[in-house]
Each structure stands twice: as C-alpha cells, then as structure tokens.
Amino acid sequence: MMAVRIRKGDRVAVTTGRDKGKTGDVVKVFPKLDKAIVQGVNMVKRHTRPTGSVAGGIIEKEAAIHVSNLAHLDPKDDKPTRVGTKVLEDGRKVRFAKRSGEVIDS
C-alpha cells in the first residue's frame, strides 16, 4: 500500500492505459485499495435488471483506476506534475506541485 496523495476534488491526468491523456476531477478515493474514481475516465458498461425505482438497461459509469496511473495537474499551467508536501510558516502541512512550487491545497 502506498501513501495516496490524491484527494476528492483534485484535477488529475491519466498517464497510462486506454484513457491516457484524459483529464478529470476525482469523484471518490479508495485509500485501502490505492484507487480513485475520476469523472469521465475509465468508463464501463453495466447491464442492470429493472427494479422498482430504476429502469433496466445498459448503464455507463466510471470504474476505479489505480492512483499510480494518475498525475496531478499543475495549478499554474495544467500539465502533469509530481506532488510533494511541506509545512508552511503558520504550521499547516500542505501539498505542492513539484513542477512549479504552487500550493495545491487551498
């Protein structure tokens, strides 16, 4: 298990696989599995049976993707970057883009 530096709401780019080059926002993170769900990326078709409230059919939705296949987008120029952590003068621990030094956390 690796330390997951990706959080819900982050802008990420896919670095490998069939969706390489796509970007999107992280919808959900699964730290124990080292996976995340990214909006509009890794779409799969799910065949569902009709139930009382949901109509049946083929539903397309996002599947989880491993965090090693994702890279943060630099807040400055929207290019993939690695992420580091540092402690600010006021004592807050924040993530920053190694490419530009820009702080990712607000």
N, C-alpha and C. Protein backbone atom coordinates (compact mmCIF):
# COMPACT_ATOMS: atom_id res chain seq x y z
N MET A 1 0.85 -1.19 0.00
CA MET A 1 0.00 0.00 0.00
C MET A 1 0.89 1.24 0.00
N MET A 2 0.52 2.23 -0.82
CA MET A 2 1.30 3.45 -0.89
C MET A 2 0.51 4.62 -0.32
N ALA A 3 1.22 5.69 0.03
CA ALA A 3 0.54 6.88 0.55
C ALA A 3 -0.19 7.55 -0.60
N VAL A 4 -1.50 7.69 -0.47
CA VAL A 4 -2.29 8.27 -1.54
C VAL A 4 -2.25 9.79 -1.42
N ARG A 5 -1.67 10.45 -2.42
CA ARG A 5 -1.56 11.91 -2.40
C ARG A 5 -2.70 12.57 -3.18
N ILE A 6 -3.64 11.74 -3.61
CA ILE A 6 -4.78 12.26 -4.38
C ILE A 6 -5.99 12.34 -3.47
N ARG A 7 -6.72 13.44 -3.57
CA ARG A 7 -7.91 13.63 -2.75
C ARG A 7 -9.10 13.98 -3.63
N LYS A 8 -10.29 13.85 -3.04
CA LYS A 8 -11.52 14.18 -3.75
C LYS A 8 -11.47 15.64 -4.19
N GLY A 9 -11.84 15.89 -5.45
CA GLY A 9 -11.87 17.26 -5.97
C GLY A 9 -10.61 17.66 -6.72
N ASP A 10 -9.54 16.86 -6.65
CA ASP A 10 -8.29 17.18 -7.35
C ASP A 10 -8.46 17.03 -8.86
N ARG A 11 -7.75 17.88 -9.62
CA ARG A 11 -7.70 17.74 -11.08
C ARG A 11 -6.52 16.84 -11.41
N VAL A 12 -6.80 15.73 -12.12
CA VAL A 12 -5.75 14.77 -12.44
C VAL A 12 -5.76 14.44 -13.93
N ALA A 13 -4.62 13.90 -14.40
CA ALA A 13 -4.48 13.42 -15.77
C ALA A 13 -4.15 11.94 -15.71
N VAL A 14 -4.61 11.17 -16.69
CA VAL A 14 -4.31 9.75 -16.77
C VAL A 14 -3.01 9.59 -17.54
N THR A 15 -2.05 8.85 -16.96
CA THR A 15 -0.73 8.73 -17.58
C THR A 15 -0.56 7.47 -18.42
N THR A 16 -1.32 6.41 -18.13
CA THR A 16 -1.20 5.17 -18.89
C THR A 16 -2.57 4.53 -19.11
N GLY A 17 -2.61 3.56 -20.01
CA GLY A 17 -3.84 2.82 -20.26
C GLY A 17 -4.63 3.38 -21.42
N ARG A 18 -5.83 2.86 -21.59
CA ARG A 18 -6.64 3.24 -22.76
C ARG A 18 -7.13 4.68 -22.69
N ASP A 19 -7.18 5.26 -21.50
CA ASP A 19 -7.64 6.64 -21.34
C ASP A 19 -6.47 7.62 -21.17
N LYS A 20 -5.28 7.22 -21.61
CA LYS A 20 -4.09 8.07 -21.46
C LYS A 20 -4.32 9.44 -22.08
N GLY A 21 -3.98 10.48 -21.33
CA GLY A 21 -4.12 11.85 -21.81
C GLY A 21 -5.41 12.53 -21.36
N LYS A 22 -6.39 11.76 -20.91
CA LYS A 22 -7.65 12.35 -20.45
C LYS A 22 -7.45 13.00 -19.08
N THR A 23 -8.24 14.03 -18.82
CA THR A 23 -8.18 14.70 -17.53
C THR A 23 -9.57 14.73 -16.91
N GLY A 24 -9.62 14.91 -15.61
CA GLY A 24 -10.90 14.99 -14.93
C GLY A 24 -10.72 15.25 -13.45
N ASP A 25 -11.84 15.42 -12.77
CA ASP A 25 -11.84 15.65 -11.33
C ASP A 25 -12.06 14.34 -10.60
N VAL A 26 -11.38 14.18 -9.47
CA VAL A 26 -11.52 12.97 -8.66
C VAL A 26 -12.86 13.05 -7.94
N VAL A 27 -13.69 12.00 -8.11
CA VAL A 27 -15.01 11.94 -7.50
C VAL A 27 -14.94 11.23 -6.15
N LYS A 28 -14.16 10.14 -6.08
CA LYS A 28 -14.06 9.35 -4.86
C LYS A 28 -12.70 8.68 -4.81
N VAL A 29 -12.17 8.50 -3.59
CA VAL A 29 -10.87 7.86 -3.40
C VAL A 29 -11.04 6.66 -2.48
N PHE A 30 -10.36 5.56 -2.82
CA PHE A 30 -10.35 4.35 -2.00
C PHE A 30 -8.92 4.12 -1.52
N PRO A 31 -8.52 4.72 -0.37
CA PRO A 31 -7.12 4.64 0.08
C PRO A 31 -6.64 3.21 0.35
N LYS A 32 -7.50 2.35 0.84
CA LYS A 32 -7.07 0.97 1.15
C LYS A 32 -6.77 0.18 -0.12
N LEU A 33 -7.43 0.53 -1.22
CA LEU A 33 -7.21 -0.15 -2.50
C LEU A 33 -6.24 0.60 -3.40
N ASP A 34 -5.81 1.81 -2.99
CA ASP A 34 -4.97 2.69 -3.81
C ASP A 34 -5.63 2.98 -5.15
N LYS A 35 -6.94 3.22 -5.13
CA LYS A 35 -7.67 3.51 -6.36
C LYS A 35 -8.52 4.76 -6.19
N ALA A 36 -8.92 5.33 -7.33
CA ALA A 36 -9.77 6.52 -7.32
C ALA A 36 -10.71 6.46 -8.50
N ILE A 37 -11.84 7.15 -8.37
CA ILE A 37 -12.78 7.28 -9.48
C ILE A 37 -12.65 8.70 -10.01
N VAL A 38 -12.40 8.81 -11.33
CA VAL A 38 -12.22 10.10 -11.97
C VAL A 38 -13.37 10.32 -12.94
N GLN A 39 -13.95 11.52 -12.91
CA GLN A 39 -15.12 11.83 -13.73
C GLN A 39 -14.79 11.73 -15.22
N GLY A 40 -15.56 10.88 -15.94
CA GLY A 40 -15.41 10.75 -17.39
C GLY A 40 -14.26 9.87 -17.83
N VAL A 41 -13.59 9.19 -16.90
CA VAL A 41 -12.43 8.35 -17.24
C VAL A 41 -12.70 6.91 -16.84
N ASN A 42 -12.19 5.96 -17.64
CA ASN A 42 -12.34 4.51 -17.37
C ASN A 42 -13.82 4.12 -17.32
N MET A 43 -14.55 4.51 -18.37
CA MET A 43 -15.98 4.22 -18.44
C MET A 43 -16.21 2.74 -18.76
N VAL A 44 -17.16 2.13 -18.03
CA VAL A 44 -17.52 0.73 -18.26
C VAL A 44 -19.03 0.64 -18.40
N LYS A 45 -19.48 -0.40 -19.09
CA LYS A 45 -20.92 -0.61 -19.27
C LYS A 45 -21.39 -1.64 -18.25
N ARG A 46 -22.49 -1.33 -17.60
CA ARG A 46 -23.05 -2.22 -16.59
C ARG A 46 -24.48 -2.58 -17.01
N HIS A 47 -24.73 -3.88 -17.15
CA HIS A 47 -26.06 -4.35 -17.52
C HIS A 47 -26.88 -4.52 -16.24
N THR A 48 -27.98 -3.76 -16.14
CA THR A 48 -28.77 -3.81 -14.91
C THR A 48 -30.18 -4.33 -15.18
N ARG A 49 -30.69 -5.04 -14.21
CA ARG A 49 -32.05 -5.56 -14.27
C ARG A 49 -32.99 -4.49 -13.73
N PRO A 50 -34.16 -4.33 -14.31
CA PRO A 50 -35.07 -3.31 -13.79
C PRO A 50 -35.56 -3.65 -12.38
N THR A 51 -35.59 -2.64 -11.52
CA THR A 51 -36.12 -2.79 -10.17
C THR A 51 -37.27 -1.80 -10.02
N GLY A 52 -37.82 -1.69 -8.84
CA GLY A 52 -38.97 -0.81 -8.62
C GLY A 52 -38.71 0.63 -9.00
N SER A 53 -37.53 1.15 -8.67
CA SER A 53 -37.27 2.57 -8.91
C SER A 53 -36.38 2.82 -10.13
N VAL A 54 -35.54 1.85 -10.49
CA VAL A 54 -34.58 2.04 -11.57
C VAL A 54 -35.00 1.24 -12.79
N ALA A 55 -34.99 1.91 -13.94
CA ALA A 55 -35.28 1.21 -15.19
C ALA A 55 -34.04 0.40 -15.59
N GLY A 56 -34.25 -0.77 -16.15
CA GLY A 56 -33.13 -1.62 -16.54
C GLY A 56 -32.48 -1.13 -17.82
N GLY A 57 -31.41 -1.79 -18.19
CA GLY A 57 -30.72 -1.45 -19.42
C GLY A 57 -29.22 -1.42 -19.21
N ILE A 58 -28.53 -0.85 -20.18
CA ILE A 58 -27.08 -0.76 -20.12
C ILE A 58 -26.71 0.64 -19.63
N ILE A 59 -26.10 0.69 -18.45
CA ILE A 59 -25.71 1.96 -17.85
C ILE A 59 -24.20 2.11 -17.98
N GLU A 60 -23.77 3.29 -18.38
CA GLU A 60 -22.33 3.55 -18.50
C GLU A 60 -21.90 4.38 -17.30
N LYS A 61 -20.85 3.91 -16.60
CA LYS A 61 -20.39 4.64 -15.42
C LYS A 61 -18.87 4.51 -15.29
N GLU A 62 -18.31 5.33 -14.40
CA GLU A 62 -16.86 5.32 -14.19
C GLU A 62 -16.46 4.16 -13.28
N ALA A 63 -15.36 3.50 -13.62
CA ALA A 63 -14.80 2.47 -12.76
C ALA A 63 -13.55 3.04 -12.09
N ALA A 64 -13.14 2.41 -10.99
CA ALA A 64 -11.96 2.88 -10.26
C ALA A 64 -10.70 2.65 -11.09
N ILE A 65 -9.73 3.54 -10.93
CA ILE A 65 -8.45 3.46 -11.63
C ILE A 65 -7.35 3.59 -10.59
N HIS A 66 -6.26 2.86 -10.77
CA HIS A 66 -5.18 2.86 -9.78
C HIS A 66 -4.49 4.22 -9.74
N VAL A 67 -4.15 4.69 -8.53
CA VAL A 67 -3.57 6.03 -8.39
C VAL A 67 -2.20 6.15 -9.03
N SER A 68 -1.50 5.03 -9.26
CA SER A 68 -0.20 5.09 -9.92
C SER A 68 -0.35 5.48 -11.39
N ASN A 69 -1.56 5.36 -11.93
CA ASN A 69 -1.81 5.73 -13.33
C ASN A 69 -2.34 7.16 -13.45
N LEU A 70 -2.35 7.90 -12.34
CA LEU A 70 -2.85 9.27 -12.33
C LEU A 70 -1.74 10.24 -11.94
N ALA A 71 -1.81 11.46 -12.47
CA ALA A 71 -0.86 12.50 -12.10
C ALA A 71 -1.63 13.79 -11.87
N HIS A 72 -1.25 14.52 -10.83
CA HIS A 72 -1.88 15.82 -10.55
C HIS A 72 -1.64 16.77 -11.70
N LEU A 73 -2.57 17.69 -11.92
CA LEU A 73 -2.36 18.75 -12.89
C LEU A 73 -1.88 19.98 -12.15
N ASP A 74 -0.79 20.57 -12.65
CA ASP A 74 -0.22 21.77 -12.04
C ASP A 74 -1.23 22.91 -12.09
N PRO A 75 -1.51 23.57 -10.96
CA PRO A 75 -2.48 24.66 -10.97
C PRO A 75 -2.08 25.82 -11.89
N LYS A 76 -0.77 25.98 -12.16
CA LYS A 76 -0.31 27.09 -12.99
C LYS A 76 -0.54 26.86 -14.48
N ASP A 77 -0.06 25.71 -14.99
CA ASP A 77 -0.11 25.51 -16.45
C ASP A 77 -0.87 24.25 -16.89
N ASP A 78 -1.58 23.59 -15.99
CA ASP A 78 -2.39 22.41 -16.33
C ASP A 78 -1.60 21.29 -17.00
N LYS A 79 -0.36 21.08 -16.58
CA LYS A 79 0.43 19.97 -17.07
C LYS A 79 0.68 19.00 -15.92
N PRO A 80 0.85 17.70 -16.20
CA PRO A 80 1.04 16.72 -15.12
C PRO A 80 2.28 17.04 -14.28
N THR A 81 2.17 16.85 -12.99
CA THR A 81 3.27 17.13 -12.08
C THR A 81 3.28 16.12 -10.94
N ARG A 82 4.44 16.02 -10.29
CA ARG A 82 4.51 15.21 -9.08
C ARG A 82 4.14 16.09 -7.90
N VAL A 83 3.84 15.45 -6.78
CA VAL A 83 3.35 16.19 -5.62
C VAL A 83 4.28 15.98 -4.43
N GLY A 84 4.58 17.05 -3.73
CA GLY A 84 5.36 16.98 -2.51
C GLY A 84 4.58 17.60 -1.37
N THR A 85 5.08 17.44 -0.15
CA THR A 85 4.43 18.07 0.99
C THR A 85 5.43 18.97 1.70
N LYS A 86 4.93 20.03 2.30
CA LYS A 86 5.78 20.91 3.09
C LYS A 86 4.94 21.57 4.16
N VAL A 87 5.62 22.07 5.19
CA VAL A 87 4.95 22.74 6.29
C VAL A 87 5.15 24.24 6.12
N LEU A 88 4.05 24.98 6.11
CA LEU A 88 4.12 26.43 5.95
C LEU A 88 4.50 27.10 7.27
N GLU A 89 4.77 28.42 7.21
CA GLU A 89 5.17 29.16 8.41
C GLU A 89 4.11 29.11 9.50
N ASP A 90 2.84 29.07 9.09
CA ASP A 90 1.76 29.06 10.09
C ASP A 90 1.49 27.66 10.65
N GLY A 91 2.30 26.67 10.26
CA GLY A 91 2.19 25.33 10.82
C GLY A 91 1.33 24.37 10.03
N ARG A 92 0.69 24.84 8.95
CA ARG A 92 -0.15 23.96 8.14
C ARG A 92 0.72 23.08 7.25
N LYS A 93 0.33 21.81 7.11
CA LYS A 93 1.01 20.89 6.20
C LYS A 93 0.22 20.88 4.90
N VAL A 94 0.86 21.24 3.79
CA VAL A 94 0.16 21.35 2.51
C VAL A 94 0.87 20.55 1.43
N ARG A 95 0.12 20.24 0.36
CA ARG A 95 0.70 19.60 -0.82
C ARG A 95 1.07 20.68 -1.82
N PHE A 96 2.17 20.46 -2.55
CA PHE A 96 2.56 21.44 -3.57
C PHE A 96 3.00 20.73 -4.83
N ALA A 97 2.86 21.42 -5.97
CA ALA A 97 3.26 20.87 -7.26
C ALA A 97 4.77 21.03 -7.40
N LYS A 98 5.49 19.94 -7.63
CA LYS A 98 6.94 20.00 -7.75
C LYS A 98 7.36 20.72 -9.02
N ARG A 99 6.49 20.76 -10.02
CA ARG A 99 6.81 21.41 -11.30
C ARG A 99 6.96 22.92 -11.14
N SER A 100 6.03 23.54 -10.42
CA SER A 100 6.03 25.00 -10.30
C SER A 100 6.21 25.50 -8.87
N GLY A 101 6.05 24.62 -7.89
CA GLY A 101 6.14 25.04 -6.50
C GLY A 101 4.83 25.61 -5.97
N GLU A 102 3.80 25.61 -6.81
CA GLU A 102 2.48 26.14 -6.43
C GLU A 102 1.81 25.23 -5.41
N VAL A 103 1.17 25.82 -4.40
CA VAL A 103 0.46 25.03 -3.37
C VAL A 103 -0.86 24.52 -3.95
N ILE A 104 -1.11 23.22 -3.78
CA ILE A 104 -2.34 22.61 -4.32
C ILE A 104 -3.50 22.78 -3.35
N ASP A 105 -3.25 22.58 -2.05
CA ASP A 105 -4.30 22.73 -1.04
C ASP A 105 -4.66 24.20 -0.88
N SER A 106 -5.94 24.47 -0.67
CA SER A 106 -6.36 25.86 -0.51
C SER A 106 -6.27 26.30 0.93
